[in-house]
Amino acid sequence: METNPKSFRKEHLAIRNAMSEKEVAEKSGVIVKRLLQTGWYQNAQEIFAYYPLKNEVDCRALFLQAWSDGKKIALPRTREENQMDFYYIDDFMQLKEGAFHVMEPMENCVRAVPDKQPVIVPGSVFGRDGSRYGYGKGYYDRFFAKNPKLKRYAVCYANQLEESLVTDIYDVEMHEIYTETEVIRKGV
C-alpha cells in the first residue's frame, strides 16, 4: 500500500484525467442512475453536491432531476482560511468560476444551513474502508468536522478505488461510495 498521499493522489488523478469524454459521460451516467435510485435521494428535500471539474464524476444530470423533483441543490463556495459553505442554485446560470477554476455559486445565492442534507463528495482516490483523499486542501474534511452528522456519499470511478488509504486523524470517512460498477456501504 502506498504511504505517500501526495504521490498516490497524483497517480490516481493522472489515470482519471486520461479518461475520454465519452468514458466520463458513460460512467457518470451509471453512477447518477445509482444515486437516483437510493432511499436517501428519494427522501431528501435538499442535496449538497459539487460542480464537476475536469474528469470528476459528472452529477449535473442529478441536479436536473432533483430540480424536476422539487428538491433544492446546494454547491460549495470557498472562503478564507480554507473553509467552504454551500449555497443554493436553481440553474447553472448562477455559477461563476471561483478558486482553483471550480464553478461556484454567485454571491447573490442563498447560503444553505447544514442540517440533515446528504452530501455528494468528490475526491482523487478512495479506499473500500471509507477512506478518502481529496485534493490536498482539506476543505471537505474541515466542513465535515464542523458538521459530523451529515451523511457522506462519495462518487468516483472504479479506477479511483483502493482497498484502504493511509489517513490521518483529520481525514473524514465516507458512509457510502458509488462507482459505475458497485456501491460500497461503510456505515461509519
C-alpha atoms as a PDB file:
ATOM      1  CA  MET A   1       0.000   0.000   0.000  1.00  0.00           C
ATOM      2  CA  GLU A   2       1.210   3.486  -0.942  1.00  0.00           C
ATOM      3  CA  THR A   3       2.277   5.583   2.019  1.00  0.00           C
ATOM      4  CA  ASN A   4       2.776   8.971   0.335  1.00  0.00           C
ATOM      5  CA  PRO A   5      -0.690  10.546  -0.098  1.00  0.00           C
ATOM      6  CA  LYS A   6       0.594  13.296  -2.404  1.00  0.00           C
ATOM      7  CA  SER A   7       2.165  10.948  -4.966  1.00  0.00           C
ATOM      8  CA  PHE A   8      -0.706   8.477  -4.640  1.00  0.00           C
ATOM      9  CA  ARG A   9      -3.233  11.265  -5.304  1.00  0.00           C
ATOM     10  CA  LYS A  10      -1.210  12.446  -8.311  1.00  0.00           C
ATOM     11  CA  GLU A  11      -1.030   8.915  -9.730  1.00  0.00           C
ATOM     12  CA  HIS A  12      -4.812   8.420  -9.469  1.00  0.00           C
ATOM     13  CA  LEU A  13      -5.581  11.856 -10.889  1.00  0.00           C
ATOM     14  CA  ALA A  14      -3.401  11.057 -13.915  1.00  0.00           C
ATOM     15  CA  ILE A  15      -5.433   7.880 -14.512  1.00  0.00           C
ATOM     16  CA  ARG A  16      -8.717   9.783 -14.160  1.00  0.00           C
ATOM     17  CA  ASN A  17      -7.572  12.665 -16.337  1.00  0.00           C
ATOM     18  CA  ALA A  18      -6.597  10.208 -19.098  1.00  0.00           C
ATOM     19  CA  MET A  19     -10.227   9.059 -19.425  1.00  0.00           C
ATOM     20  CA  SER A  20     -12.030  10.126 -22.619  1.00  0.00           C
ATOM     21  CA  GLU A  21     -15.069  12.440 -22.578  1.00  0.00           C
ATOM     22  CA  LYS A  22     -17.205   9.508 -23.713  1.00  0.00           C
ATOM     23  CA  GLU A  23     -15.929   7.281 -20.903  1.00  0.00           C
ATOM     24  CA  VAL A  24     -16.564  10.023 -18.315  1.00  0.00           C
ATOM     25  CA  ALA A  25     -20.092  10.592 -19.650  1.00  0.00           C
ATOM     26  CA  GLU A  26     -20.980   6.878 -19.720  1.00  0.00           C
ATOM     27  CA  LYS A  27     -19.605   6.074 -16.283  1.00  0.00           C
ATOM     28  CA  SER A  28     -21.035   9.254 -14.745  1.00  0.00           C
ATOM     29  CA  GLY A  29     -24.438   8.316 -16.203  1.00  0.00           C
ATOM     30  CA  VAL A  30     -24.354   4.920 -14.493  1.00  0.00           C
ATOM     31  CA  ILE A  31     -23.293   6.485 -11.179  1.00  0.00           C
ATOM     32  CA  VAL A  32     -26.056   9.116 -11.346  1.00  0.00           C
ATOM     33  CA  LYS A  33     -28.654   6.391 -12.002  1.00  0.00           C
ATOM     34  CA  ARG A  34     -27.421   4.563  -8.894  1.00  0.00           C
ATOM     35  CA  LEU A  35     -27.732   7.754  -6.834  1.00  0.00           C
ATOM     36  CA  LEU A  36     -31.248   8.492  -8.100  1.00  0.00           C
ATOM     37  CA  GLN A  37     -32.408   5.012  -7.011  1.00  0.00           C
ATOM     38  CA  THR A  38     -31.319   5.425  -3.391  1.00  0.00           C
ATOM     39  CA  GLY A  39     -33.675   5.955  -0.490  1.00  0.00           C
ATOM     40  CA  TRP A  40     -31.652   8.925   0.663  1.00  0.00           C
ATOM     41  CA  TYR A  41     -32.146  10.667  -2.674  1.00  0.00           C
ATOM     42  CA  GLN A  42     -35.875   9.900  -2.676  1.00  0.00           C
ATOM     43  CA  ASN A  43     -36.283  11.222   0.884  1.00  0.00           C
ATOM     44  CA  ALA A  44     -34.083  14.314   0.602  1.00  0.00           C
ATOM     45  CA  GLN A  45     -35.564  17.779   0.224  1.00  0.00           C
ATOM     46  CA  GLU A  46     -32.097  19.271  -0.289  1.00  0.00           C
ATOM     47  CA  ILE A  47     -28.838  17.800  -1.558  1.00  0.00           C
ATOM     48  CA  PHE A  48     -25.331  19.192  -1.150  1.00  0.00           C
ATOM     49  CA  ALA A  49     -23.249  18.363  -4.216  1.00  0.00           C
ATOM     50  CA  TYR A  50     -20.389  19.791  -6.325  1.00  0.00           C
ATOM     51  CA  TYR A  51     -19.897  21.009  -9.884  1.00  0.00           C
ATOM     52  CA  PRO A  52     -17.537  18.693 -11.809  1.00  0.00           C
ATOM     53  CA  LEU A  53     -14.031  19.836 -12.641  1.00  0.00           C
ATOM     54  CA  LYS A  54     -12.057  18.147 -15.410  1.00  0.00           C
ATOM     55  CA  ASN A  55     -12.914  14.427 -15.350  1.00  0.00           C
ATOM     56  CA  GLU A  56     -14.662  14.268 -11.964  1.00  0.00           C
ATOM     57  CA  VAL A  57     -17.863  12.242 -11.876  1.00  0.00           C
ATOM     58  CA  ASP A  58     -20.435  14.500 -13.562  1.00  0.00           C
ATOM     59  CA  CYS A  59     -23.580  14.713 -11.425  1.00  0.00           C
ATOM     60  CA  ARG A  60     -25.263  17.533 -13.367  1.00  0.00           C
ATOM     61  CA  ALA A  61     -27.957  15.127 -14.604  1.00  0.00           C
ATOM     62  CA  LEU A  62     -28.807  14.509 -10.941  1.00  0.00           C
ATOM     63  CA  PHE A  63     -29.212  18.271 -10.403  1.00  0.00           C
ATOM     64  CA  LEU A  64     -31.673  18.448 -13.314  1.00  0.00           C
ATOM     65  CA  GLN A  65     -33.668  15.521 -11.948  1.00  0.00           C
ATOM     66  CA  ALA A  66     -33.601  16.942  -8.422  1.00  0.00           C
ATOM     67  CA  TRP A  67     -34.918  20.310  -9.621  1.00  0.00           C
ATOM     68  CA  SER A  68     -37.614  18.465 -11.583  1.00  0.00           C
ATOM     69  CA  ASP A  69     -38.497  16.541  -8.402  1.00  0.00           C
ATOM     70  CA  GLY A  70     -38.823  19.802  -6.439  1.00  0.00           C
ATOM     71  CA  LYS A  71     -35.601  19.340  -4.483  1.00  0.00           C
ATOM     72  CA  LYS A  72     -33.007  22.013  -3.719  1.00  0.00           C
ATOM     73  CA  ILE A  73     -29.376  21.718  -4.789  1.00  0.00           C
ATOM     74  CA  ALA A  74     -26.561  23.485  -2.939  1.00  0.00           C
ATOM     75  CA  LEU A  75     -22.955  23.666  -4.143  1.00  0.00           C
ATOM     76  CA  PRO A  76     -19.810  24.751  -2.277  1.00  0.00           C
ATOM     77  CA  ARG A  77     -18.177  28.136  -2.401  1.00  0.00           C
ATOM     78  CA  THR A  78     -14.779  28.545  -0.778  1.00  0.00           C
ATOM     79  CA  ARG A  79     -13.797  31.370   1.524  1.00  0.00           C
ATOM     80  CA  GLU A  80     -10.776  32.449   3.532  1.00  0.00           C
ATOM     81  CA  GLU A  81      -8.859  30.068   5.781  1.00  0.00           C
ATOM     82  CA  ASN A  82      -9.599  27.080   3.507  1.00  0.00           C
ATOM     83  CA  GLN A  83     -13.258  26.959   4.557  1.00  0.00           C
ATOM     84  CA  MET A  84     -16.304  26.338   2.389  1.00  0.00           C
ATOM     85  CA  ASP A  85     -20.037  26.830   2.666  1.00  0.00           C
ATOM     86  CA  PHE A  86     -22.867  25.562   0.483  1.00  0.00           C
ATOM     87  CA  TYR A  87     -25.236  27.847  -1.444  1.00  0.00           C
ATOM     88  CA  TYR A  88     -28.467  27.038  -3.266  1.00  0.00           C
ATOM     89  CA  ILE A  89     -28.608  27.258  -7.032  1.00  0.00           C
ATOM     90  CA  ASP A  90     -31.724  26.967  -9.203  1.00  0.00           C
ATOM     91  CA  ASP A  91     -29.879  26.633 -12.502  1.00  0.00           C
ATOM     92  CA  PHE A  92     -26.388  26.562 -13.962  1.00  0.00           C
ATOM     93  CA  MET A  93     -26.510  30.292 -14.792  1.00  0.00           C
ATOM     94  CA  GLN A  94     -25.998  31.037 -11.081  1.00  0.00           C
ATOM     95  CA  LEU A  95     -22.408  29.765 -11.208  1.00  0.00           C
ATOM     96  CA  LYS A  96     -19.121  31.542 -11.852  1.00  0.00           C
ATOM     97  CA  GLU A  97     -15.514  30.405 -11.849  1.00  0.00           C
ATOM     98  CA  GLY A  98     -14.024  30.539  -8.363  1.00  0.00           C
ATOM     99  CA  ALA A  99     -10.931  29.261  -6.609  1.00  0.00           C
ATOM    100  CA  PHE A 100      -8.973  26.522  -8.379  1.00  0.00           C
ATOM    101  CA  HIS A 101     -11.137  27.025 -11.543  1.00  0.00           C
ATOM    102  CA  VAL A 102     -14.106  25.378  -9.798  1.00  0.00           C
ATOM    103  CA  MET A 103     -17.555  26.670 -10.734  1.00  0.00           C
ATOM    104  CA  GLU A 104     -19.130  28.132  -7.584  1.00  0.00           C
ATOM    105  CA  PRO A 105     -22.472  29.747  -6.684  1.00  0.00           C
ATOM    106  CA  MET A 106     -22.549  33.505  -7.234  1.00  0.00           C
ATOM    107  CA  GLU A 107     -22.569  35.968  -4.344  1.00  0.00           C
ATOM    108  CA  ASN A 108     -26.337  36.535  -4.587  1.00  0.00           C
ATOM    109  CA  CYS A 109     -27.114  32.857  -3.896  1.00  0.00           C
ATOM    110  CA  VAL A 110     -28.626  31.980  -0.516  1.00  0.00           C
ATOM    111  CA  ARG A 111     -26.399  30.131   1.943  1.00  0.00           C
ATOM    112  CA  ALA A 112     -27.652  26.671   2.944  1.00  0.00           C
ATOM    113  CA  VAL A 113     -27.618  25.773   6.612  1.00  0.00           C
ATOM    114  CA  PRO A 114     -26.180  22.264   7.124  1.00  0.00           C
ATOM    115  CA  ASP A 115     -28.726  20.060   8.871  1.00  0.00           C
ATOM    116  CA  LYS A 116     -29.554  16.608   7.514  1.00  0.00           C
ATOM    117  CA  GLN A 117     -28.777  17.044   3.846  1.00  0.00           C
ATOM    118  CA  PRO A 118     -26.971  14.216   2.081  1.00  0.00           C
ATOM    119  CA  VAL A 119     -23.623  15.357   0.671  1.00  0.00           C
ATOM    120  CA  ILE A 120     -22.252  14.035  -2.626  1.00  0.00           C
ATOM    121  CA  VAL A 121     -18.467  14.147  -2.253  1.00  0.00           C
ATOM    122  CA  PRO A 122     -15.739  14.160  -4.928  1.00  0.00           C
ATOM    123  CA  GLY A 123     -12.157  13.081  -4.386  1.00  0.00           C
ATOM    124  CA  SER A 124      -8.991  11.851  -6.045  1.00  0.00           C
ATOM    125  CA  VAL A 125      -8.892   8.327  -4.581  1.00  0.00           C
ATOM    126  CA  PHE A 126     -11.000   6.316  -2.124  1.00  0.00           C
ATOM    127  CA  GLY A 127     -10.478   3.231  -0.011  1.00  0.00           C
ATOM    128  CA  ARG A 128     -13.075   0.488   0.261  1.00  0.00           C
ATOM    129  CA  ASP A 129     -12.842   1.088   4.007  1.00  0.00           C
ATOM    130  CA  GLY A 130     -14.429   4.538   3.518  1.00  0.00           C
ATOM    131  CA  SER A 131     -11.156   6.466   3.476  1.00  0.00           C
ATOM    132  CA  ARG A 132     -10.762   9.405   1.089  1.00  0.00           C
ATOM    133  CA  TYR A 133      -8.060  11.597  -0.385  1.00  0.00           C
ATOM    134  CA  GLY A 134      -9.356  14.873  -1.741  1.00  0.00           C
ATOM    135  CA  TYR A 135      -7.107  17.346  -3.469  1.00  0.00           C
ATOM    136  CA  GLY A 136      -4.885  18.252  -0.552  1.00  0.00           C
ATOM    137  CA  LYS A 137      -6.502  21.419   0.806  1.00  0.00           C
ATOM    138  CA  GLY A 138      -8.807  19.799   3.387  1.00  0.00           C
ATOM    139  CA  TYR A 139     -11.987  21.741   2.543  1.00  0.00           C
ATOM    140  CA  TYR A 140     -14.321  18.762   2.880  1.00  0.00           C
ATOM    141  CA  ASP A 141     -12.559  17.415   5.976  1.00  0.00           C
ATOM    142  CA  ARG A 142     -12.948  20.767   7.742  1.00  0.00           C
ATOM    143  CA  PHE A 143     -16.569  21.096   6.601  1.00  0.00           C
ATOM    144  CA  PHE A 144     -17.461  17.615   7.890  1.00  0.00           C
ATOM    145  CA  ALA A 145     -15.563  18.185  11.146  1.00  0.00           C
ATOM    146  CA  LYS A 146     -17.955  21.086  11.773  1.00  0.00           C
ATOM    147  CA  ASN A 147     -20.978  19.104  10.521  1.00  0.00           C
ATOM    148  CA  PRO A 148     -20.339  15.485  11.587  1.00  0.00           C
ATOM    149  CA  LYS A 149     -23.986  14.373  11.350  1.00  0.00           C
ATOM    150  CA  LEU A 150     -24.203  14.935   7.599  1.00  0.00           C
ATOM    151  CA  LYS A 151     -24.222  11.732   5.548  1.00  0.00           C
ATOM    152  CA  ARG A 152     -21.281  11.498   3.149  1.00  0.00           C
ATOM    153  CA  TYR A 153     -21.818   9.819  -0.230  1.00  0.00           C
ATOM    154  CA  ALA A 154     -18.670   9.627  -2.328  1.00  0.00           C
ATOM    155  CA  VAL A 155     -18.755   9.270  -6.095  1.00  0.00           C
ATOM    156  CA  CYS A 156     -15.798   8.021  -8.092  1.00  0.00           C
ATOM    157  CA  TYR A 157     -14.825   5.674 -10.892  1.00  0.00           C
ATOM    158  CA  ALA A 158     -13.761   2.108 -10.175  1.00  0.00           C
ATOM    159  CA  ASN A 159     -10.196   3.100 -11.174  1.00  0.00           C
ATOM    160  CA  GLN A 160     -10.122   5.514  -8.192  1.00  0.00           C
ATOM    161  CA  LEU A 161     -10.659   2.723  -5.634  1.00  0.00           C
ATOM    162  CA  GLU A 162      -8.069   1.054  -3.435  1.00  0.00           C
ATOM    163  CA  GLU A 163      -8.538  -1.366  -0.525  1.00  0.00           C
ATOM    164  CA  SER A 164      -7.597   1.281   2.028  1.00  0.00           C
ATOM    165  CA  LEU A 165      -5.656   4.516   2.329  1.00  0.00           C
ATOM    166  CA  VAL A 166      -3.200   5.773   4.903  1.00  0.00           C
ATOM    167  CA  THR A 167      -5.067   8.658   6.538  1.00  0.00           C
ATOM    168  CA  ASP A 168      -4.584  10.969   9.475  1.00  0.00           C
ATOM    169  CA  ILE A 169      -6.970  11.999  12.242  1.00  0.00           C
ATOM    170  CA  TYR A 170      -8.344  14.907  10.169  1.00  0.00           C
ATOM    171  CA  ASP A 171      -9.413  12.736   7.219  1.00  0.00           C
ATOM    172  CA  VAL A 172     -13.166  12.088   7.342  1.00  0.00           C
ATOM    173  CA  GLU A 173     -14.501   8.722   6.191  1.00  0.00           C
ATOM    174  CA  MET A 174     -17.333   8.268   3.700  1.00  0.00           C
ATOM    175  CA  HIS A 175     -20.557   6.441   4.574  1.00  0.00           C
ATOM    176  CA  GLU A 176     -21.063   5.070   1.056  1.00  0.00           C
ATOM    177  CA  ILE A 177     -19.062   5.069  -2.174  1.00  0.00           C
ATOM    178  CA  TYR A 178     -20.745   4.895  -5.596  1.00  0.00           C
ATOM    179  CA  THR A 179     -18.873   3.788  -8.715  1.00  0.00           C
ATOM    180  CA  GLU A 180     -20.023   2.620 -12.134  1.00  0.00           C
ATOM    181  CA  THR A 181     -19.510  -0.997 -11.038  1.00  0.00           C
ATOM    182  CA  GLU A 182     -20.576  -1.140  -7.378  1.00  0.00           C
ATOM    183  CA  VAL A 183     -21.831   0.528  -4.234  1.00  0.00           C
ATOM    184  CA  ILE A 184     -19.756   0.226  -1.074  1.00  0.00           C
ATOM    185  CA  ARG A 185     -21.630   0.815   2.156  1.00  0.00           C
ATOM    186  CA  LYS A 186     -19.323   1.547   5.038  1.00  0.00           C
ATOM    187  CA  GLY A 187     -21.880   2.749   7.548  1.00  0.00           C
ATOM    188  CA  VAL A 188     -19.219   4.694   9.523  1.00  0.00           C
END
